[in-house]
Amino acid sequence: MRRAISLLIVLVAGVALAWWLAALGGTVEIRVQDAWIGLSLPILLLLLALLFIVLLAIASLIGWLRRMPARLRQRRALRQRSEGDAAVTRVLIALAAGTADTARLEARRARTLLGETPQVLLLTAEAERLAGREEAAAEAFAALAERPDARFLGLRGLLRQAMAREDWEEAKRLAREAEAAQPGAGWIREERAQLALRTQDWREALSLAPPDAPRAALSLAAAGQEPDPAKAAELERKAFQADPGFAPAALAHAARQRAAGSPRRARATLEEAWAVAPHPDLAAPLLEGVTEPLARVKAVEQLIRRNPQHPESRLLLARIALEAGLTGRARQELDALRAAGQADRRAYLLLAELEEAEHGDAPESRAAQSRWLREGALAAPEPRWRCGNCGTDHTGWKPVCSACNAVGQIAWTKPTPAMPAAAEA
């Protein structure tokens, strides 16, 4: 409504102006020597308006003709872009469907239509990888890596290829470059952590390990690679602090303390480890150099005082008591194990030795020994170092399972009937 009123006002003003000019009258004369032209003022104004309209139309036509090539190029570019986008979509569908030949064909078409954009280069590389053409994929990833705006994408692809062919040195170099291109990227941190584990660079693996990683095992493995004794001692201390019940870390930390002239601290470390998770190897350093039998019994009692009813505590005390001739004490501990249902093969072997120590080579002793040995054959086997990933048994702790290459999975565990026995690695 307002627009109609405004247009009406303009028309009225135009008509009023034309009427006023017509009523104004007057003549305009143009003389050139003897020739002259005389026009009334309204007619002259009308001619000037028509001349302005004609000149404006000519100028507009010239501008339209000059802009025509650009419009044609733009239209061609839009059509090319549309066809290129359609080709990109077909590449994505082919990659999802796993049709390598179609993916490569559409990727080449997209590359021709759109040029070497980051999206097209990435799709080209993935299409070539799907077809098994790793060299062609590497060329596309390298082209991506040369672009400042897509360098990380190219380096990521090259890193994946290097890790797939187990070129660890090249993978480390690419990981460092990718970290520099995209600082703080979570994916790069995870890849570097996996790379450190695969190359057994334990110091790097420890620094990149997530919170739920086996830090005690990684710290102890890193200590074994550390040439600086002070740094190695610090890593062993961290391993023990991460898991006081991890016997290898406790033994390494105690040995370092003993070598530094602190036998009391070493003994306290072993006692703390035994209180958390008793392990037979923890007793050896404490009994080393103690030759008097009763003194050895006293040393064991001191070691197990915070966890005396654990099966390993009872077994250790029974063995040391038997060696000292304290057969009554040994039988007391072994009978307690049997009563609690915690006796394994080692307990029955000790009972057989106990019968011989108490009764010699008498027929009753031989009969009792035979009975204990038969029960021992049916009893649960003793704990051992076993990989929690594949179940392989090992003669000692290692940071990596030699059977499945799992890191930090070897633990001191008691076999169960459901777990098949595996050959020692």
Protein backbone atom coordinates (compact mmCIF):
# COMPACT_ATOMS: atom_id res chain seq x y z
CA MET A 1 0.00 0.00 0.00
CA ARG A 2 2.80 2.39 0.89
CA ARG A 3 4.64 1.51 -2.33
CA ALA A 4 1.53 2.25 -4.43
CA ILE A 5 1.05 5.59 -2.70
CA SER A 6 4.72 6.48 -3.22
CA LEU A 7 4.50 5.58 -6.94
CA LEU A 8 1.33 7.67 -7.30
CA ILE A 9 3.06 10.65 -5.70
CA VAL A 10 6.03 10.32 -8.11
CA LEU A 11 3.69 10.12 -11.13
CA VAL A 12 1.76 13.15 -9.97
CA ALA A 13 5.01 15.06 -9.43
CA GLY A 14 6.21 14.04 -12.93
CA VAL A 15 2.99 15.13 -14.58
CA ALA A 16 3.04 18.40 -12.66
CA LEU A 17 6.64 19.06 -13.74
CA ALA A 18 5.79 18.29 -17.40
CA TRP A 19 2.77 20.57 -17.19
CA TRP A 20 4.85 23.34 -15.67
CA LEU A 21 7.49 23.05 -18.38
CA ALA A 22 4.84 23.06 -21.09
CA ALA A 23 3.29 26.17 -19.59
CA LEU A 24 6.70 27.78 -19.17
CA GLY A 25 7.17 28.09 -22.93
CA GLY A 26 10.28 29.53 -24.44
CA THR A 27 12.56 28.64 -27.36
CA VAL A 28 16.13 27.41 -27.57
CA GLU A 29 18.11 28.44 -30.67
CA ILE A 30 21.30 26.80 -31.95
CA ARG A 31 23.16 28.84 -34.64
CA VAL A 32 26.07 27.54 -36.75
CA GLN A 33 27.08 30.28 -39.19
CA ASP A 34 23.99 30.84 -41.28
CA ALA A 35 22.20 27.73 -40.10
CA TRP A 36 20.11 27.71 -36.97
CA ILE A 37 17.83 25.37 -35.18
CA GLY A 38 15.07 26.54 -32.96
CA LEU A 39 13.39 24.20 -30.47
CA SER A 40 10.91 24.79 -27.77
CA LEU A 41 12.23 24.11 -24.30
CA PRO A 42 9.94 21.10 -23.57
CA ILE A 43 10.94 19.43 -26.86
CA LEU A 44 14.63 20.00 -26.14
CA LEU A 45 14.32 18.51 -22.70
CA LEU A 46 12.51 15.51 -24.17
CA LEU A 47 15.24 15.03 -26.80
CA LEU A 48 17.95 15.27 -24.15
CA ALA A 49 16.18 12.65 -22.04
CA LEU A 50 15.90 10.34 -25.07
CA LEU A 51 19.58 10.91 -25.89
CA PHE A 52 20.55 10.03 -22.32
CA ILE A 53 18.48 6.83 -22.50
CA VAL A 54 20.09 5.82 -25.82
CA LEU A 55 23.62 6.48 -24.54
CA LEU A 56 22.89 4.55 -21.34
CA ALA A 57 21.58 1.60 -23.39
CA ILE A 58 24.70 1.62 -25.58
CA ALA A 59 26.97 1.72 -22.53
CA SER A 60 25.03 -1.13 -20.92
CA LEU A 61 25.32 -3.22 -24.10
CA ILE A 62 29.05 -2.63 -24.29
CA GLY A 63 29.45 -3.61 -20.63
CA TRP A 64 27.34 -6.75 -21.17
CA LEU A 65 29.46 -7.75 -24.17
CA ARG A 66 32.67 -7.16 -22.19
CA ARG A 67 31.41 -9.27 -19.28
CA MET A 68 30.20 -12.11 -21.46
CA PRO A 69 33.53 -14.10 -21.53
CA ALA A 70 33.76 -13.93 -17.73
CA ARG A 71 30.17 -15.10 -17.41
CA LEU A 72 30.85 -17.96 -19.78
CA ARG A 73 33.94 -18.95 -17.82
CA GLN A 74 32.00 -18.75 -14.56
CA ARG A 75 29.20 -20.85 -15.96
CA ARG A 76 31.70 -23.42 -17.22
CA ALA A 77 33.46 -23.42 -13.84
CA LEU A 78 30.17 -23.93 -12.01
CA ARG A 79 29.27 -26.81 -14.29
CA GLN A 80 32.76 -28.28 -13.82
CA ARG A 81 32.48 -27.87 -10.05
CA SER A 82 29.09 -29.56 -10.04
CA GLU A 83 30.41 -32.49 -12.06
CA GLY A 84 33.50 -32.64 -9.84
CA ASP A 85 31.40 -32.72 -6.68
CA ALA A 86 29.35 -35.52 -8.17
CA ALA A 87 32.57 -37.42 -8.95
CA VAL A 88 33.75 -36.92 -5.34
CA THR A 89 30.47 -38.36 -4.10
CA ARG A 90 30.91 -41.37 -6.39
CA VAL A 91 34.47 -41.86 -5.05
CA LEU A 92 33.15 -41.90 -1.49
CA ILE A 93 30.49 -44.44 -2.42
CA ALA A 94 33.04 -46.62 -4.20
CA LEU A 95 35.40 -46.49 -1.22
CA ALA A 96 32.58 -47.43 1.13
CA ALA A 97 31.58 -50.29 -1.18
CA GLY A 98 35.18 -51.47 -1.60
CA THR A 99 35.16 -51.23 -5.42
CA ALA A 100 38.74 -50.17 -6.05
CA ASP A 101 38.58 -49.74 -9.86
CA THR A 102 35.53 -47.50 -9.71
CA ALA A 103 37.08 -45.46 -6.91
CA ARG A 104 40.29 -44.89 -8.92
CA LEU A 105 38.34 -43.96 -12.08
CA GLU A 106 36.12 -41.46 -10.28
CA ALA A 107 39.10 -40.06 -8.36
CA ARG A 108 40.92 -39.34 -11.65
CA ARG A 109 37.77 -37.68 -13.00
CA ALA A 110 37.43 -35.54 -9.87
CA ARG A 111 41.11 -34.63 -10.10
CA THR A 112 40.63 -33.51 -13.72
CA LEU A 113 37.53 -31.47 -12.93
CA LEU A 114 38.48 -29.95 -9.57
CA GLY A 115 42.27 -29.96 -9.69
CA GLU A 116 44.56 -31.10 -6.88
CA THR A 117 42.49 -29.90 -3.96
CA PRO A 118 43.17 -31.47 -0.54
CA GLN A 119 39.90 -33.40 -0.65
CA VAL A 120 40.60 -34.83 -4.10
CA LEU A 121 44.20 -35.74 -3.24
CA LEU A 122 43.09 -37.51 -0.07
CA LEU A 123 40.41 -39.47 -1.93
CA THR A 124 42.89 -40.33 -4.66
CA ALA A 125 45.34 -41.68 -2.10
CA GLU A 126 42.66 -43.77 -0.39
CA ALA A 127 41.46 -45.13 -3.74
CA GLU A 128 45.01 -46.13 -4.66
CA ARG A 129 45.50 -47.79 -1.26
CA LEU A 130 42.26 -49.72 -1.74
CA ALA A 131 43.59 -50.96 -5.07
CA GLY A 132 46.88 -52.01 -3.45
CA ARG A 133 48.90 -49.35 -5.29
CA GLU A 134 50.89 -48.07 -2.32
CA GLU A 135 53.40 -46.13 -4.44
CA ALA A 136 50.64 -44.16 -6.18
CA ALA A 137 49.00 -43.55 -2.81
CA ALA A 138 52.33 -42.33 -1.42
CA GLU A 139 52.61 -39.83 -4.30
CA ALA A 140 49.17 -38.43 -3.48
CA PHE A 141 49.99 -38.26 0.24
CA ALA A 142 53.31 -36.54 -0.59
CA ALA A 143 51.45 -33.97 -2.69
CA LEU A 144 49.16 -33.36 0.26
CA ALA A 145 52.13 -32.98 2.60
CA GLU A 146 53.57 -30.26 0.35
CA ARG A 147 50.48 -28.09 0.82
CA PRO A 148 50.62 -25.90 3.94
CA ASP A 149 46.86 -26.16 4.45
CA ALA A 150 46.80 -29.98 4.26
CA ARG A 151 50.28 -30.97 5.41
CA PHE A 152 48.99 -32.93 8.40
CA LEU A 153 46.72 -35.08 6.21
CA GLY A 154 49.60 -36.02 3.94
CA LEU A 155 51.94 -36.80 6.81
CA ARG A 156 49.27 -38.91 8.49
CA GLY A 157 48.84 -41.02 5.37
CA LEU A 158 52.60 -41.43 4.90
CA LEU A 159 52.94 -42.37 8.58
CA ARG A 160 50.30 -45.07 8.26
CA GLN A 161 52.12 -46.49 5.25
CA ALA A 162 55.48 -46.46 7.04
CA MET A 163 54.03 -48.28 10.04
CA ALA A 164 52.33 -50.83 7.79
CA ARG A 165 55.63 -51.74 6.15
CA GLU A 166 57.39 -51.58 9.56
CA ASP A 167 59.80 -48.85 8.51
CA TRP A 168 60.16 -47.61 12.07
CA GLU A 169 62.82 -44.96 11.49
CA GLU A 170 60.78 -43.34 8.73
CA ALA A 171 57.68 -43.61 10.89
CA LYS A 172 59.42 -41.80 13.76
CA ARG A 173 60.51 -38.99 11.43
CA LEU A 174 57.01 -38.60 10.00
CA ALA A 175 55.47 -38.66 13.48
CA ARG A 176 57.74 -35.79 14.58
CA GLU A 177 56.82 -33.77 11.49
CA ALA A 178 53.11 -34.45 12.01
CA GLU A 179 53.42 -33.36 15.64
CA ALA A 180 55.03 -30.12 14.47
CA ALA A 181 52.30 -29.60 11.85
CA GLN A 182 49.45 -30.21 14.30
CA PRO A 183 50.71 -29.74 17.88
CA GLY A 184 48.65 -31.48 20.53
CA ALA A 185 46.75 -33.75 18.13
CA GLY A 186 45.43 -36.73 20.10
CA TRP A 187 45.79 -39.11 17.17
CA ILE A 188 49.49 -38.32 16.76
CA ARG A 189 50.09 -38.91 20.46
CA GLU A 190 48.42 -42.32 20.25
CA GLU A 191 50.39 -43.24 17.13
CA ARG A 192 53.66 -42.16 18.72
CA ALA A 193 52.82 -44.23 21.78
CA GLN A 194 52.12 -47.30 19.65
CA LEU A 195 55.27 -46.65 17.65
CA ALA A 196 57.33 -46.45 20.83
CA LEU A 197 55.88 -49.76 22.03
CA ARG A 198 56.57 -51.48 18.72
CA THR A 199 60.15 -50.25 18.62
CA GLN A 200 60.53 -50.92 22.36
CA ASP A 201 61.58 -47.35 23.04
CA TRP A 202 60.42 -47.62 26.64
CA ARG A 203 61.36 -44.09 27.71
CA GLU A 204 59.26 -42.63 24.90
CA ALA A 205 56.46 -45.10 25.58
CA LEU A 206 56.43 -44.12 29.24
CA SER A 207 56.21 -40.40 28.46
CA LEU A 208 53.29 -40.97 26.07
CA ALA A 209 51.49 -43.68 28.05
CA PRO A 210 47.80 -43.09 28.93
CA PRO A 211 46.72 -43.18 32.60
CA ASP A 212 45.60 -46.82 32.38
CA ALA A 213 48.89 -48.06 30.93
CA PRO A 214 51.09 -50.52 32.91
CA ARG A 215 53.38 -47.75 34.15
CA ALA A 216 55.32 -50.00 36.53
CA ALA A 217 56.30 -52.34 33.71
CA LEU A 218 57.13 -49.44 31.35
CA SER A 219 59.22 -47.66 34.00
CA LEU A 220 61.19 -50.80 34.79
CA ALA A 221 61.76 -51.51 31.08
CA ALA A 222 62.89 -47.90 30.56
CA ALA A 223 65.31 -48.26 33.47
CA GLY A 224 66.88 -51.22 31.72
CA GLN A 225 67.58 -49.05 28.66
CA GLU A 226 68.85 -46.03 30.60
CA PRO A 227 72.67 -45.68 30.49
CA ASP A 228 72.73 -43.08 33.27
CA PRO A 229 72.69 -44.91 36.66
CA ALA A 230 71.01 -42.00 38.43
CA LYS A 231 68.18 -41.83 35.88
CA ALA A 232 67.85 -45.61 35.91
CA ALA A 233 67.54 -45.56 39.72
CA GLU A 234 64.82 -42.90 39.49
CA LEU A 235 62.88 -44.95 36.94
CA GLU A 236 63.12 -48.03 39.17
CA ARG A 237 61.84 -45.99 42.08
CA LYS A 238 58.90 -44.79 39.97
CA ALA A 239 58.16 -48.36 38.92
CA PHE A 240 58.02 -49.46 42.56
CA GLN A 241 55.83 -46.50 43.50
CA ALA A 242 53.46 -47.21 40.60
CA ASP A 243 52.95 -50.79 41.82
CA PRO A 244 54.61 -51.85 45.10
CA GLY A 245 53.36 -55.39 44.51
CA PHE A 246 55.27 -55.70 41.24
CA ALA A 247 58.11 -57.99 42.35
CA PRO A 248 60.62 -57.19 39.54
CA ALA A 249 60.35 -53.47 40.32
CA ALA A 250 60.76 -54.07 44.06
CA LEU A 251 63.80 -56.28 43.47
CA ALA A 252 65.44 -53.74 41.13
CA HIS A 253 64.72 -50.85 43.49
CA ALA A 254 66.02 -52.77 46.53
CA ALA A 255 69.15 -53.84 44.66
CA ARG A 256 69.83 -50.21 43.73
CA GLN A 257 69.33 -49.14 47.36
CA ARG A 258 71.64 -51.88 48.61
CA ALA A 259 74.29 -50.90 46.07
CA ALA A 260 74.00 -47.30 47.27
CA GLY A 261 74.82 -48.40 50.83
CA SER A 262 71.28 -48.45 52.26
CA PRO A 263 70.56 -52.08 53.27
CA ARG A 264 67.83 -51.02 55.69
CA ARG A 265 65.94 -49.19 52.97
CA ALA A 266 66.37 -52.19 50.69
CA ARG A 267 64.94 -54.50 53.35
CA ALA A 268 62.01 -52.12 53.94
CA THR A 269 61.30 -52.09 50.20
CA LEU A 270 61.19 -55.88 50.05
CA GLU A 271 59.00 -56.09 53.15
CA GLU A 272 56.55 -53.58 51.69
CA ALA A 273 56.40 -55.50 48.43
CA TRP A 274 55.79 -58.76 50.29
CA ALA A 275 52.99 -57.14 52.31
CA VAL A 276 51.26 -56.07 49.09
CA ALA A 277 51.87 -59.15 46.90
CA PRO A 278 54.18 -61.91 48.20
CA HIS A 279 56.52 -63.41 45.62
CA PRO A 280 59.13 -66.13 46.20
CA ASP A 281 61.92 -64.12 44.57
CA LEU A 282 61.59 -61.35 47.18
CA ALA A 283 63.09 -63.60 49.88
CA ALA A 284 66.36 -64.33 48.08
CA PRO A 285 68.02 -60.90 48.64
CA LEU A 286 67.12 -60.94 52.33
CA LEU A 287 68.51 -64.45 52.87
CA GLU A 288 71.63 -63.82 50.84
CA GLY A 289 74.63 -64.03 53.14
CA VAL A 290 72.57 -65.37 56.08
CA THR A 291 73.99 -68.86 56.65
CA GLU A 292 72.92 -69.69 60.20
CA PRO A 293 69.62 -71.69 59.95
CA LEU A 294 67.80 -70.06 62.84
CA ALA A 295 68.85 -66.62 61.65
CA ARG A 296 67.31 -67.45 58.28
CA VAL A 297 64.07 -68.40 60.02
CA LYS A 298 64.11 -65.08 61.90
CA ALA A 299 64.74 -63.18 58.66
CA VAL A 300 61.76 -64.87 57.00
CA GLU A 301 59.52 -64.18 59.99
CA GLN A 302 60.48 -60.51 59.75
CA LEU A 303 59.73 -60.50 56.03
CA ILE A 304 56.25 -62.07 56.30
CA ARG A 305 55.15 -60.42 59.54
CA ARG A 306 52.64 -58.11 57.77
CA ASN A 307 51.13 -60.89 55.67
CA PRO A 308 51.76 -64.16 57.55
CA GLN A 309 48.70 -66.11 56.38
CA HIS A 310 49.29 -65.67 52.66
CA PRO A 311 50.06 -69.02 50.95
CA GLU A 312 53.47 -67.77 49.79
CA SER A 313 54.29 -66.69 53.38
CA ARG A 314 53.39 -70.10 54.75
CA LEU A 315 55.28 -71.93 52.01
CA LEU A 316 58.41 -69.82 52.48
CA LEU A 317 58.40 -70.21 56.25
CA ALA A 318 57.77 -73.97 55.97
CA ARG A 319 60.69 -74.41 53.58
CA ILE A 320 63.14 -72.35 55.64
CA ALA A 321 61.98 -74.04 58.87
CA LEU A 322 62.46 -77.46 57.28
CA GLU A 323 65.98 -76.48 56.20
CA ALA A 324 66.68 -75.42 59.81
CA GLY A 325 65.38 -78.73 61.18
CA LEU A 326 62.25 -77.18 62.70
CA THR A 327 59.98 -79.92 61.37
CA GLY A 328 57.14 -79.10 63.76
CA ARG A 329 57.02 -75.50 62.61
CA ALA A 330 57.17 -76.61 58.98
CA ARG A 331 54.30 -79.11 59.45
CA GLN A 332 52.22 -76.45 61.20
CA GLU A 333 52.43 -74.12 58.21
CA LEU A 334 51.83 -76.88 55.66
CA ASP A 335 48.84 -78.27 57.55
CA ALA A 336 47.37 -74.76 57.68
CA LEU A 337 47.73 -74.51 53.91
CA ARG A 338 45.95 -77.83 53.39
CA ALA A 339 43.18 -76.91 55.84
CA ALA A 340 42.56 -73.64 53.98
CA GLY A 341 42.51 -75.41 50.59
CA GLN A 342 45.50 -73.33 49.42
CA ALA A 343 48.10 -76.08 49.07
CA ASP A 344 49.61 -76.41 45.61
CA ARG A 345 52.23 -78.84 44.26
CA ARG A 346 55.04 -77.14 46.16
CA ALA A 347 53.29 -77.75 49.48
CA TYR A 348 52.93 -81.49 48.81
CA LEU A 349 56.57 -81.76 47.71
CA LEU A 350 57.56 -80.13 51.01
CA LEU A 351 55.33 -82.57 52.90
CA ALA A 352 57.12 -85.45 51.19
CA GLU A 353 60.48 -83.97 52.23
CA LEU A 354 59.13 -83.45 55.72
CA GLU A 355 58.21 -87.13 56.07
CA GLU A 356 61.75 -88.14 55.17
CA ALA A 357 63.24 -85.56 57.57
CA GLU A 358 61.06 -86.76 60.44
CA HIS A 359 61.04 -90.52 59.89
CA GLY A 360 64.01 -91.25 57.66
CA ASP A 361 63.83 -94.12 55.17
CA ALA A 362 61.30 -96.16 57.13
CA PRO A 363 58.43 -97.95 55.32
CA GLU A 364 55.91 -95.63 56.95
CA SER A 365 57.87 -92.64 55.68
CA ARG A 366 58.00 -94.00 52.13
CA ALA A 367 54.27 -94.71 52.20
CA ALA A 368 53.50 -91.19 53.42
CA GLN A 369 55.82 -89.73 50.79
CA SER A 370 54.06 -91.68 48.06
CA ARG A 371 50.70 -90.43 49.30
CA TRP A 372 51.84 -86.79 49.32
CA LEU A 373 53.36 -87.13 45.85
CA ARG A 374 50.13 -88.61 44.48
CA GLU A 375 48.12 -85.76 45.97
CA GLY A 376 50.67 -83.29 44.65
CA ALA A 377 50.22 -84.62 41.11
CA LEU A 378 46.52 -83.76 41.37
CA ALA A 379 47.00 -80.45 43.15
CA ALA A 380 46.96 -77.00 41.57
CA PRO A 381 50.22 -76.03 39.89
CA GLU A 382 52.35 -73.28 41.38
CA PRO A 383 52.00 -69.66 40.18
CA ARG A 384 54.15 -68.59 37.27
CA TRP A 385 54.87 -65.67 34.99
CA ARG A 386 52.08 -65.79 32.45
CA CYS A 387 50.97 -63.47 29.64
CA GLY A 388 47.48 -62.21 30.33
CA ASN A 389 46.89 -61.68 26.62
CA CYS A 390 47.71 -65.09 25.14
CA GLY A 391 48.30 -67.29 28.21
CA THR A 392 51.92 -68.19 27.38
CA ASP A 393 54.10 -69.10 30.37
CA HIS A 394 57.52 -67.47 30.80
CA THR A 395 60.50 -68.39 32.95
CA GLY A 396 60.73 -64.82 34.22
CA TRP A 397 59.23 -61.39 33.82
CA LYS A 398 59.72 -59.58 30.50
CA PRO A 399 58.26 -56.31 29.28
CA VAL A 400 57.06 -57.94 26.05
CA CYS A 401 55.51 -61.35 25.53
CA SER A 402 57.63 -63.26 23.04
CA ALA A 403 54.56 -65.11 21.76
CA CYS A 404 52.07 -62.31 21.06
CA ASN A 405 54.21 -59.15 21.51
CA ALA A 406 51.80 -57.77 24.09
CA VAL A 407 53.42 -55.13 26.30
CA GLY A 408 53.10 -55.18 30.08
CA GLN A 409 50.85 -58.25 30.14
CA ILE A 410 53.19 -60.76 31.81
CA ALA A 411 52.17 -61.15 35.44
CA TRP A 412 52.70 -63.57 38.30
CA THR A 413 49.47 -65.55 38.29
CA LYS A 414 48.19 -68.87 39.47
CA PRO A 415 46.97 -71.12 36.63
CA THR A 416 43.37 -72.22 36.71
CA PRO A 417 41.95 -75.44 35.24
CA ALA A 418 40.23 -73.40 32.52
CA MET A 419 43.56 -72.03 31.30
CA PRO A 420 45.39 -74.44 28.98
CA ALA A 421 49.01 -75.08 29.78
CA ALA A 422 51.39 -73.38 27.36
CA ALA A 423 54.99 -74.11 26.69
CA GLU A 424 57.47 -71.91 28.49
CA ALA A 425 58.88 -69.10 26.38
